[in-house]
Amino acid sequence: MTMFQGVIVGPNDQSNQMDYFPVIERQLQLTEQQGENIRMLFDGMKQMHTDMNEKVEEVQLMVQEVRDSVTLTDAECYQLQHAVRLKSNELTKHRYMESDEKFKDMVGRYRRMMWSKLKERFEVAKYSHVRRIDYEDSIDFIRDFRPEDYI
């Protein structure tokens, strides 16, 4: 009789326990292999996540580029024209009576000046080429327009 890990065993019992070592060793090998496979799976998922984030950023940049390049809609062009008409009439009324001969001439001059300065401000050849993202700024530009600032 011998003591094996705190248990008294006979000669036959000790050999039976030794038969378990190959089984335990095989189980350890399988567990290590599973760990390696799980690590590879995790690394692959991590790489896919990184790749996906990069693609999302690329798409967001492309969408922003498209948004930045889209010009005014017809309705926005009409509203901008309307704002120019109102502002040119308002500016002229401050200086001339509507019955004056020069009234229509001055309205035209103010309109041409506003269109010219608007295109200059937004760096476009035609007012309809103003970018949609600049629409509110273009309306504000017309509403706040003062000819004195450009003389």
N, C-alpha and C. Protein backbone atom coordinates (compact mmCIF):
# COMPACT_ATOMS: atom_id res chain seq x y z
N MET A 1 0.83 -1.17 0.00
CA MET A 1 0.00 0.00 0.00
C MET A 1 0.88 1.23 0.00
N THR A 2 0.54 2.17 -0.86
CA THR A 2 1.26 3.44 -0.91
C THR A 2 0.24 4.57 -0.86
N MET A 3 0.77 5.74 -0.52
CA MET A 3 -0.08 6.91 -0.45
C MET A 3 0.10 7.69 -1.76
N PHE A 4 -1.00 7.96 -2.43
CA PHE A 4 -0.98 8.71 -3.68
C PHE A 4 -1.91 9.90 -3.53
N GLN A 5 -1.34 11.08 -3.51
CA GLN A 5 -2.07 12.35 -3.34
C GLN A 5 -3.02 12.28 -2.15
N GLY A 6 -2.51 11.83 -1.03
CA GLY A 6 -3.27 11.83 0.19
C GLY A 6 -4.24 10.69 0.31
N VAL A 7 -4.26 9.77 -0.65
CA VAL A 7 -5.19 8.63 -0.60
C VAL A 7 -4.37 7.36 -0.57
N ILE A 8 -4.75 6.45 0.26
CA ILE A 8 -4.04 5.17 0.33
C ILE A 8 -4.57 4.29 -0.79
N VAL A 9 -3.64 3.83 -1.62
CA VAL A 9 -4.03 3.00 -2.75
C VAL A 9 -3.20 1.74 -2.77
N GLY A 10 -3.81 0.77 -3.35
CA GLY A 10 -3.08 -0.48 -3.51
C GLY A 10 -2.34 -0.47 -4.82
N PRO A 11 -1.53 -1.51 -5.09
CA PRO A 11 -0.73 -1.57 -6.31
C PRO A 11 -1.60 -1.52 -7.57
N ASN A 12 -2.74 -2.14 -7.57
CA ASN A 12 -3.61 -2.12 -8.76
C ASN A 12 -4.26 -0.75 -8.96
N ASP A 13 -4.60 -0.11 -7.85
CA ASP A 13 -5.22 1.21 -7.94
C ASP A 13 -4.26 2.24 -8.55
N GLN A 14 -2.99 2.17 -8.22
CA GLN A 14 -2.01 3.12 -8.73
C GLN A 14 -1.85 2.99 -10.24
N SER A 15 -1.85 1.81 -10.75
CA SER A 15 -1.72 1.62 -12.19
C SER A 15 -2.97 2.10 -12.91
N ASN A 16 -4.14 1.96 -12.26
CA ASN A 16 -5.38 2.47 -12.86
C ASN A 16 -5.33 3.99 -12.99
N GLN A 17 -4.76 4.63 -11.96
CA GLN A 17 -4.65 6.08 -12.02
C GLN A 17 -3.65 6.51 -13.08
N MET A 18 -2.62 5.76 -13.30
CA MET A 18 -1.64 6.09 -14.33
C MET A 18 -2.25 5.98 -15.72
N ASP A 19 -3.29 5.15 -15.89
CA ASP A 19 -3.96 5.00 -17.17
C ASP A 19 -4.73 6.29 -17.53
N TYR A 20 -5.06 7.09 -16.55
CA TYR A 20 -5.79 8.35 -16.79
C TYR A 20 -4.88 9.45 -17.33
N PHE A 21 -3.59 9.37 -17.11
CA PHE A 21 -2.68 10.43 -17.57
C PHE A 21 -2.75 10.66 -19.08
N PRO A 22 -2.74 9.64 -19.90
CA PRO A 22 -2.86 9.90 -21.34
C PRO A 22 -4.20 10.57 -21.69
N VAL A 23 -5.25 10.18 -20.99
CA VAL A 23 -6.56 10.78 -21.25
C VAL A 23 -6.54 12.26 -20.86
N ILE A 24 -5.99 12.54 -19.69
CA ILE A 24 -5.90 13.93 -19.23
C ILE A 24 -4.99 14.73 -20.15
N GLU A 25 -3.88 14.15 -20.57
CA GLU A 25 -2.96 14.85 -21.46
C GLU A 25 -3.65 15.15 -22.79
N ARG A 26 -4.42 14.22 -23.31
CA ARG A 26 -5.16 14.43 -24.57
C ARG A 26 -6.21 15.54 -24.39
N GLN A 27 -6.86 15.53 -23.25
CA GLN A 27 -7.85 16.56 -22.96
C GLN A 27 -7.19 17.93 -22.91
N LEU A 28 -6.02 18.03 -22.31
CA LEU A 28 -5.27 19.30 -22.27
C LEU A 28 -4.90 19.76 -23.67
N GLN A 29 -4.49 18.83 -24.53
CA GLN A 29 -4.13 19.18 -25.90
C GLN A 29 -5.36 19.74 -26.64
N LEU A 30 -6.48 19.08 -26.47
CA LEU A 30 -7.71 19.54 -27.12
C LEU A 30 -8.11 20.93 -26.61
N THR A 31 -7.98 21.15 -25.30
CA THR A 31 -8.32 22.45 -24.72
C THR A 31 -7.40 23.53 -25.26
N GLU A 32 -6.11 23.22 -25.36
CA GLU A 32 -5.15 24.19 -25.92
C GLU A 32 -5.48 24.49 -27.38
N GLN A 33 -5.86 23.45 -28.13
CA GLN A 33 -6.21 23.63 -29.53
C GLN A 33 -7.47 24.50 -29.65
N GLN A 34 -8.45 24.25 -28.78
CA GLN A 34 -9.66 25.08 -28.77
C GLN A 34 -9.31 26.53 -28.47
N GLY A 35 -8.41 26.74 -27.50
CA GLY A 35 -7.97 28.09 -27.15
C GLY A 35 -7.34 28.79 -28.34
N GLU A 36 -6.50 28.06 -29.08
CA GLU A 36 -5.87 28.64 -30.27
C GLU A 36 -6.92 28.99 -31.33
N ASN A 37 -7.89 28.08 -31.52
CA ASN A 37 -8.96 28.33 -32.50
C ASN A 37 -9.81 29.53 -32.09
N ILE A 38 -10.13 29.62 -30.82
CA ILE A 38 -10.90 30.77 -30.33
C ILE A 38 -10.11 32.05 -30.51
N ARG A 39 -8.80 32.04 -30.25
CA ARG A 39 -7.95 33.21 -30.45
C ARG A 39 -7.97 33.63 -31.91
N MET A 40 -7.84 32.64 -32.83
CA MET A 40 -7.85 32.97 -34.26
C MET A 40 -9.20 33.56 -34.65
N LEU A 41 -10.29 33.00 -34.14
CA LEU A 41 -11.62 33.51 -34.41
C LEU A 41 -11.76 34.94 -33.89
N PHE A 42 -11.31 35.16 -32.69
CA PHE A 42 -11.37 36.50 -32.09
C PHE A 42 -10.55 37.50 -32.90
N ASP A 43 -9.34 37.12 -33.27
CA ASP A 43 -8.48 38.01 -34.06
C ASP A 43 -9.14 38.35 -35.41
N GLY A 44 -9.77 37.34 -36.02
CA GLY A 44 -10.47 37.58 -37.29
C GLY A 44 -11.64 38.54 -37.12
N MET A 45 -12.40 38.35 -36.04
CA MET A 45 -13.53 39.26 -35.78
C MET A 45 -13.03 40.67 -35.50
N LYS A 46 -11.96 40.77 -34.77
CA LYS A 46 -11.38 42.09 -34.45
C LYS A 46 -10.94 42.80 -35.73
N GLN A 47 -10.31 42.06 -36.63
CA GLN A 47 -9.85 42.63 -37.90
C GLN A 47 -11.05 43.07 -38.75
N MET A 48 -12.11 42.23 -38.78
CA MET A 48 -13.31 42.60 -39.54
C MET A 48 -13.93 43.88 -38.97
N HIS A 49 -13.93 44.01 -37.67
CA HIS A 49 -14.48 45.20 -37.02
C HIS A 49 -13.68 46.44 -37.43
N THR A 50 -12.36 46.32 -37.40
CA THR A 50 -11.49 47.43 -37.80
C THR A 50 -11.72 47.79 -39.27
N ASP A 51 -11.79 46.77 -40.13
CA ASP A 51 -12.02 47.00 -41.56
C ASP A 51 -13.36 47.68 -41.79
N MET A 52 -14.38 47.23 -41.06
CA MET A 52 -15.72 47.79 -41.22
C MET A 52 -15.72 49.26 -40.79
N ASN A 53 -15.07 49.57 -39.68
CA ASN A 53 -15.00 50.97 -39.23
C ASN A 53 -14.32 51.85 -40.26
N GLU A 54 -13.26 51.35 -40.88
CA GLU A 54 -12.57 52.12 -41.92
C GLU A 54 -13.49 52.36 -43.11
N LYS A 55 -14.25 51.34 -43.51
CA LYS A 55 -15.17 51.48 -44.64
C LYS A 55 -16.28 52.46 -44.31
N VAL A 56 -16.79 52.42 -43.09
CA VAL A 56 -17.84 53.35 -42.68
C VAL A 56 -17.31 54.79 -42.77
N GLU A 57 -16.09 55.02 -42.31
CA GLU A 57 -15.50 56.36 -42.39
C GLU A 57 -15.35 56.80 -43.85
N GLU A 58 -14.92 55.88 -44.71
CA GLU A 58 -14.78 56.20 -46.14
C GLU A 58 -16.14 56.60 -46.73
N VAL A 59 -17.17 55.83 -46.42
CA VAL A 59 -18.51 56.11 -46.94
C VAL A 59 -18.99 57.46 -46.43
N GLN A 60 -18.75 57.74 -45.15
CA GLN A 60 -19.18 59.02 -44.59
C GLN A 60 -18.49 60.18 -45.30
N LEU A 61 -17.21 60.04 -45.60
CA LEU A 61 -16.49 61.09 -46.33
C LEU A 61 -17.06 61.26 -47.74
N MET A 62 -17.37 60.15 -48.39
CA MET A 62 -17.92 60.23 -49.74
C MET A 62 -19.30 60.90 -49.72
N VAL A 63 -20.12 60.55 -48.74
CA VAL A 63 -21.44 61.16 -48.63
C VAL A 63 -21.30 62.66 -48.39
N GLN A 64 -20.36 63.06 -47.55
CA GLN A 64 -20.15 64.48 -47.28
C GLN A 64 -19.70 65.21 -48.54
N GLU A 65 -18.83 64.57 -49.33
CA GLU A 65 -18.39 65.17 -50.59
C GLU A 65 -19.57 65.38 -51.53
N VAL A 66 -20.45 64.41 -51.60
CA VAL A 66 -21.63 64.53 -52.47
C VAL A 66 -22.52 65.66 -51.96
N ARG A 67 -22.76 65.69 -50.64
CA ARG A 67 -23.58 66.76 -50.07
C ARG A 67 -22.99 68.13 -50.37
N ASP A 68 -21.67 68.22 -50.25
CA ASP A 68 -21.02 69.51 -50.46
C ASP A 68 -21.06 69.95 -51.92
N SER A 69 -21.23 69.02 -52.83
CA SER A 69 -21.19 69.38 -54.24
C SER A 69 -22.59 69.62 -54.84
N VAL A 70 -23.62 69.26 -54.14
CA VAL A 70 -24.99 69.43 -54.65
C VAL A 70 -25.36 70.90 -54.60
N THR A 71 -25.92 71.41 -55.70
CA THR A 71 -26.28 72.83 -55.79
C THR A 71 -27.74 73.04 -55.43
N LEU A 72 -28.13 74.30 -55.40
CA LEU A 72 -29.49 74.67 -55.00
C LEU A 72 -30.55 73.99 -55.85
N THR A 73 -31.68 73.69 -55.22
CA THR A 73 -32.83 73.16 -55.95
C THR A 73 -33.53 74.33 -56.64
N ASP A 74 -34.47 74.02 -57.52
CA ASP A 74 -35.23 75.08 -58.19
C ASP A 74 -35.99 75.93 -57.18
N ALA A 75 -36.56 75.27 -56.18
CA ALA A 75 -37.32 76.01 -55.16
C ALA A 75 -36.41 76.96 -54.37
N GLU A 76 -35.20 76.50 -54.06
CA GLU A 76 -34.26 77.36 -53.34
C GLU A 76 -33.80 78.52 -54.21
N CYS A 77 -33.60 78.26 -55.51
CA CYS A 77 -33.25 79.35 -56.43
C CYS A 77 -34.36 80.39 -56.47
N TYR A 78 -35.60 79.92 -56.53
CA TYR A 78 -36.73 80.83 -56.55
C TYR A 78 -36.77 81.66 -55.26
N GLN A 79 -36.55 81.03 -54.12
CA GLN A 79 -36.56 81.75 -52.84
C GLN A 79 -35.43 82.77 -52.77
N LEU A 80 -34.29 82.42 -53.34
CA LEU A 80 -33.17 83.36 -53.38
C LEU A 80 -33.50 84.54 -54.29
N GLN A 81 -34.10 84.27 -55.44
CA GLN A 81 -34.53 85.34 -56.34
C GLN A 81 -35.53 86.25 -55.64
N HIS A 82 -36.46 85.64 -54.94
CA HIS A 82 -37.47 86.40 -54.20
C HIS A 82 -36.81 87.31 -53.15
N ALA A 83 -35.84 86.78 -52.44
CA ALA A 83 -35.13 87.57 -51.43
C ALA A 83 -34.40 88.75 -52.07
N VAL A 84 -33.81 88.53 -53.25
CA VAL A 84 -33.11 89.61 -53.96
C VAL A 84 -34.11 90.67 -54.42
N ARG A 85 -35.25 90.24 -54.93
CA ARG A 85 -36.28 91.21 -55.36
C ARG A 85 -36.73 92.07 -54.17
N LEU A 86 -37.03 91.40 -53.06
CA LEU A 86 -37.50 92.16 -51.88
C LEU A 86 -36.44 93.13 -51.37
N LYS A 87 -35.20 92.65 -51.30
CA LYS A 87 -34.12 93.49 -50.76
C LYS A 87 -33.83 94.66 -51.70
N SER A 88 -33.82 94.42 -53.00
CA SER A 88 -33.53 95.53 -53.93
C SER A 88 -34.63 96.58 -53.87
N ASN A 89 -35.87 96.15 -53.76
CA ASN A 89 -36.97 97.12 -53.61
C ASN A 89 -36.86 97.87 -52.29
N GLU A 90 -36.54 97.17 -51.24
CA GLU A 90 -36.40 97.81 -49.92
C GLU A 90 -35.29 98.86 -49.93
N LEU A 91 -34.13 98.49 -50.50
CA LEU A 91 -33.01 99.43 -50.56
C LEU A 91 -33.37 100.67 -51.38
N THR A 92 -34.05 100.46 -52.49
CA THR A 92 -34.40 101.58 -53.36
C THR A 92 -35.44 102.48 -52.71
N LYS A 93 -36.40 101.91 -52.00
CA LYS A 93 -37.44 102.70 -51.34
C LYS A 93 -36.85 103.61 -50.27
N HIS A 94 -35.72 103.22 -49.69
CA HIS A 94 -35.07 104.07 -48.69
C HIS A 94 -34.45 105.32 -49.32
N ARG A 95 -34.20 105.27 -50.61
CA ARG A 95 -33.49 106.37 -51.26
C ARG A 95 -34.35 107.14 -52.28
N TYR A 96 -35.36 106.47 -52.83
CA TYR A 96 -36.18 107.08 -53.89
C TYR A 96 -37.64 106.77 -53.65
N MET A 97 -38.47 107.60 -54.17
CA MET A 97 -39.91 107.36 -54.17
C MET A 97 -40.20 106.45 -55.37
N GLU A 98 -41.19 105.59 -55.23
CA GLU A 98 -41.52 104.67 -56.32
C GLU A 98 -41.93 105.42 -57.58
N SER A 99 -42.40 106.62 -57.42
CA SER A 99 -42.85 107.41 -58.59
C SER A 99 -41.67 108.05 -59.31
N ASP A 100 -40.48 108.08 -58.70
CA ASP A 100 -39.30 108.67 -59.36
C ASP A 100 -38.92 107.87 -60.60
N GLU A 101 -38.40 108.63 -61.58
CA GLU A 101 -37.94 107.99 -62.82
C GLU A 101 -36.79 107.03 -62.55
N LYS A 102 -35.94 107.37 -61.58
CA LYS A 102 -34.75 106.58 -61.31
C LYS A 102 -35.05 105.32 -60.49
N PHE A 103 -36.25 105.19 -59.98
CA PHE A 103 -36.58 104.08 -59.08
C PHE A 103 -36.28 102.72 -59.73
N LYS A 104 -36.84 102.47 -60.92
CA LYS A 104 -36.64 101.19 -61.59
C LYS A 104 -35.18 100.97 -61.95
N ASP A 105 -34.51 102.03 -62.36
CA ASP A 105 -33.10 101.95 -62.70
C ASP A 105 -32.28 101.54 -61.47
N MET A 106 -32.57 102.13 -60.33
CA MET A 106 -31.83 101.83 -59.11
C MET A 106 -32.14 100.42 -58.61
N VAL A 107 -33.40 99.99 -58.75
CA VAL A 107 -33.75 98.60 -58.36
C VAL A 107 -32.87 97.64 -59.15
N GLY A 108 -32.76 97.87 -60.45
CA GLY A 108 -31.94 97.03 -61.33
C GLY A 108 -30.48 97.06 -60.93
N ARG A 109 -29.98 98.24 -60.60
CA ARG A 109 -28.58 98.36 -60.18
C ARG A 109 -28.31 97.57 -58.89
N TYR A 110 -29.22 97.72 -57.93
CA TYR A 110 -29.05 96.99 -56.66
C TYR A 110 -29.11 95.47 -56.89
N ARG A 111 -30.03 95.06 -57.74
CA ARG A 111 -30.13 93.62 -58.01
C ARG A 111 -28.86 93.09 -58.64
N ARG A 112 -28.37 93.80 -59.65
CA ARG A 112 -27.13 93.36 -60.30
C ARG A 112 -25.98 93.33 -59.30
N MET A 113 -25.92 94.33 -58.44
CA MET A 113 -24.86 94.39 -57.43
C MET A 113 -24.97 93.21 -56.45
N MET A 114 -26.19 92.93 -56.01
CA MET A 114 -26.38 91.81 -55.07
C MET A 114 -26.00 90.48 -55.72
N TRP A 115 -26.45 90.28 -56.98
CA TRP A 115 -26.09 89.03 -57.66
C TRP A 115 -24.58 88.92 -57.82
N SER A 116 -23.98 90.00 -58.21
CA SER A 116 -22.53 90.00 -58.43
C SER A 116 -21.78 89.69 -57.14
N LYS A 117 -22.15 90.35 -56.06
CA LYS A 117 -21.46 90.16 -54.77
C LYS A 117 -21.76 88.77 -54.18
N LEU A 118 -22.97 88.27 -54.42
CA LEU A 118 -23.32 86.93 -53.96
C LEU A 118 -22.44 85.88 -54.64
N LYS A 119 -22.30 86.00 -55.97
CA LYS A 119 -21.48 85.05 -56.72
C LYS A 119 -20.01 85.15 -56.29
N GLU A 120 -19.59 86.36 -56.05
CA GLU A 120 -18.22 86.59 -55.57
C GLU A 120 -18.02 85.93 -54.20
N ARG A 121 -18.97 86.16 -53.33
CA ARG A 121 -18.89 85.64 -51.95
C ARG A 121 -18.84 84.11 -51.91
N PHE A 122 -19.65 83.47 -52.77
CA PHE A 122 -19.72 82.00 -52.76
C PHE A 122 -18.90 81.36 -53.87
N GLU A 123 -18.14 82.18 -54.57
CA GLU A 123 -17.19 81.72 -55.59
C GLU A 123 -17.85 80.80 -56.63
N VAL A 124 -18.91 81.31 -57.25
CA VAL A 124 -19.62 80.57 -58.29
C VAL A 124 -19.82 81.48 -59.50
N ALA A 125 -19.98 80.86 -60.67
CA ALA A 125 -20.21 81.63 -61.89
C ALA A 125 -21.68 82.03 -62.03
N LYS A 126 -22.57 81.19 -61.50
CA LYS A 126 -24.01 81.47 -61.54
C LYS A 126 -24.55 81.29 -60.13
N TYR A 127 -25.52 82.10 -59.77
CA TYR A 127 -26.06 81.97 -58.41
C TYR A 127 -26.68 80.59 -58.19
N SER A 128 -27.16 79.96 -59.24
CA SER A 128 -27.78 78.63 -59.11
C SER A 128 -26.74 77.55 -58.79
N HIS A 129 -25.46 77.89 -58.87
CA HIS A 129 -24.40 76.94 -58.53
C HIS A 129 -23.98 77.03 -57.07
N VAL A 130 -24.64 77.88 -56.31
CA VAL A 130 -24.37 77.93 -54.87
C VAL A 130 -24.70 76.55 -54.30
N ARG A 131 -23.84 76.06 -53.44
CA ARG A 131 -24.07 74.73 -52.86
C ARG A 131 -25.26 74.77 -51.89
N ARG A 132 -25.96 73.67 -51.83
CA ARG A 132 -27.14 73.59 -50.95
C ARG A 132 -26.76 73.83 -49.50
N ILE A 133 -25.59 73.37 -49.09
CA ILE A 133 -25.21 73.57 -47.69
C ILE A 133 -24.97 75.05 -47.39
N ASP A 134 -24.83 75.85 -48.44
CA ASP A 134 -24.62 77.30 -48.26
C ASP A 134 -25.91 78.09 -48.47
N TYR A 135 -27.02 77.40 -48.65
CA TYR A 135 -28.28 78.08 -48.94
C TYR A 135 -28.64 79.10 -47.86
N GLU A 136 -28.67 78.68 -46.61
CA GLU A 136 -29.05 79.60 -45.52
C GLU A 136 -28.10 80.79 -45.46
N ASP A 137 -26.81 80.54 -45.66
CA ASP A 137 -25.83 81.64 -45.66
C ASP A 137 -26.10 82.60 -46.81
N SER A 138 -26.50 82.07 -47.96
CA SER A 138 -26.76 82.94 -49.11
C SER A 138 -27.99 83.81 -48.86
N ILE A 139 -29.02 83.23 -48.24
CA ILE A 139 -30.22 84.01 -47.90
C ILE A 139 -29.85 85.09 -46.89
N ASP A 140 -29.07 84.73 -45.88
CA ASP A 140 -28.63 85.72 -44.88
C ASP A 140 -27.80 86.82 -45.54
N PHE A 141 -26.96 86.43 -46.49
CA PHE A 141 -26.13 87.40 -47.19
C PHE A 141 -27.01 88.46 -47.86
N ILE A 142 -28.07 88.00 -48.53
CA ILE A 142 -28.97 88.94 -49.22
C ILE A 142 -29.75 89.77 -48.20
N ARG A 143 -30.27 89.16 -47.18
CA ARG A 143 -31.05 89.90 -46.18
C ARG A 143 -30.22 90.97 -45.48
N ASP A 144 -28.94 90.67 -45.26
CA ASP A 144 -28.06 91.61 -44.56
C ASP A 144 -27.29 92.52 -45.52
N PHE A 145 -27.54 92.42 -46.79
CA PHE A 145 -26.78 93.16 -47.80
C PHE A 145 -26.92 94.66 -47.61
N ARG A 146 -25.76 95.31 -47.65
CA ARG A 146 -25.72 96.78 -47.59
C ARG A 146 -24.77 97.27 -48.68
N PRO A 147 -25.28 98.04 -49.65
CA PRO A 147 -24.44 98.49 -50.76
C PRO A 147 -23.21 99.27 -50.28
N GLU A 148 -23.36 99.97 -49.16
CA GLU A 148 -22.27 100.79 -48.64
C GLU A 148 -21.02 99.95 -48.34
N ASP A 149 -21.22 98.67 -48.04
CA ASP A 149 -20.09 97.79 -47.72
C ASP A 149 -19.22 97.51 -48.96
N TYR A 150 -19.74 97.81 -50.14
CA TYR A 150 -19.02 97.46 -51.37
C TYR A 150 -18.64 98.67 -52.21
N ILE A 151 -18.81 99.81 -51.66
CA ILE A 151 -18.47 101.04 -52.41
C ILE A 151 -17.11 101.55 -51.98
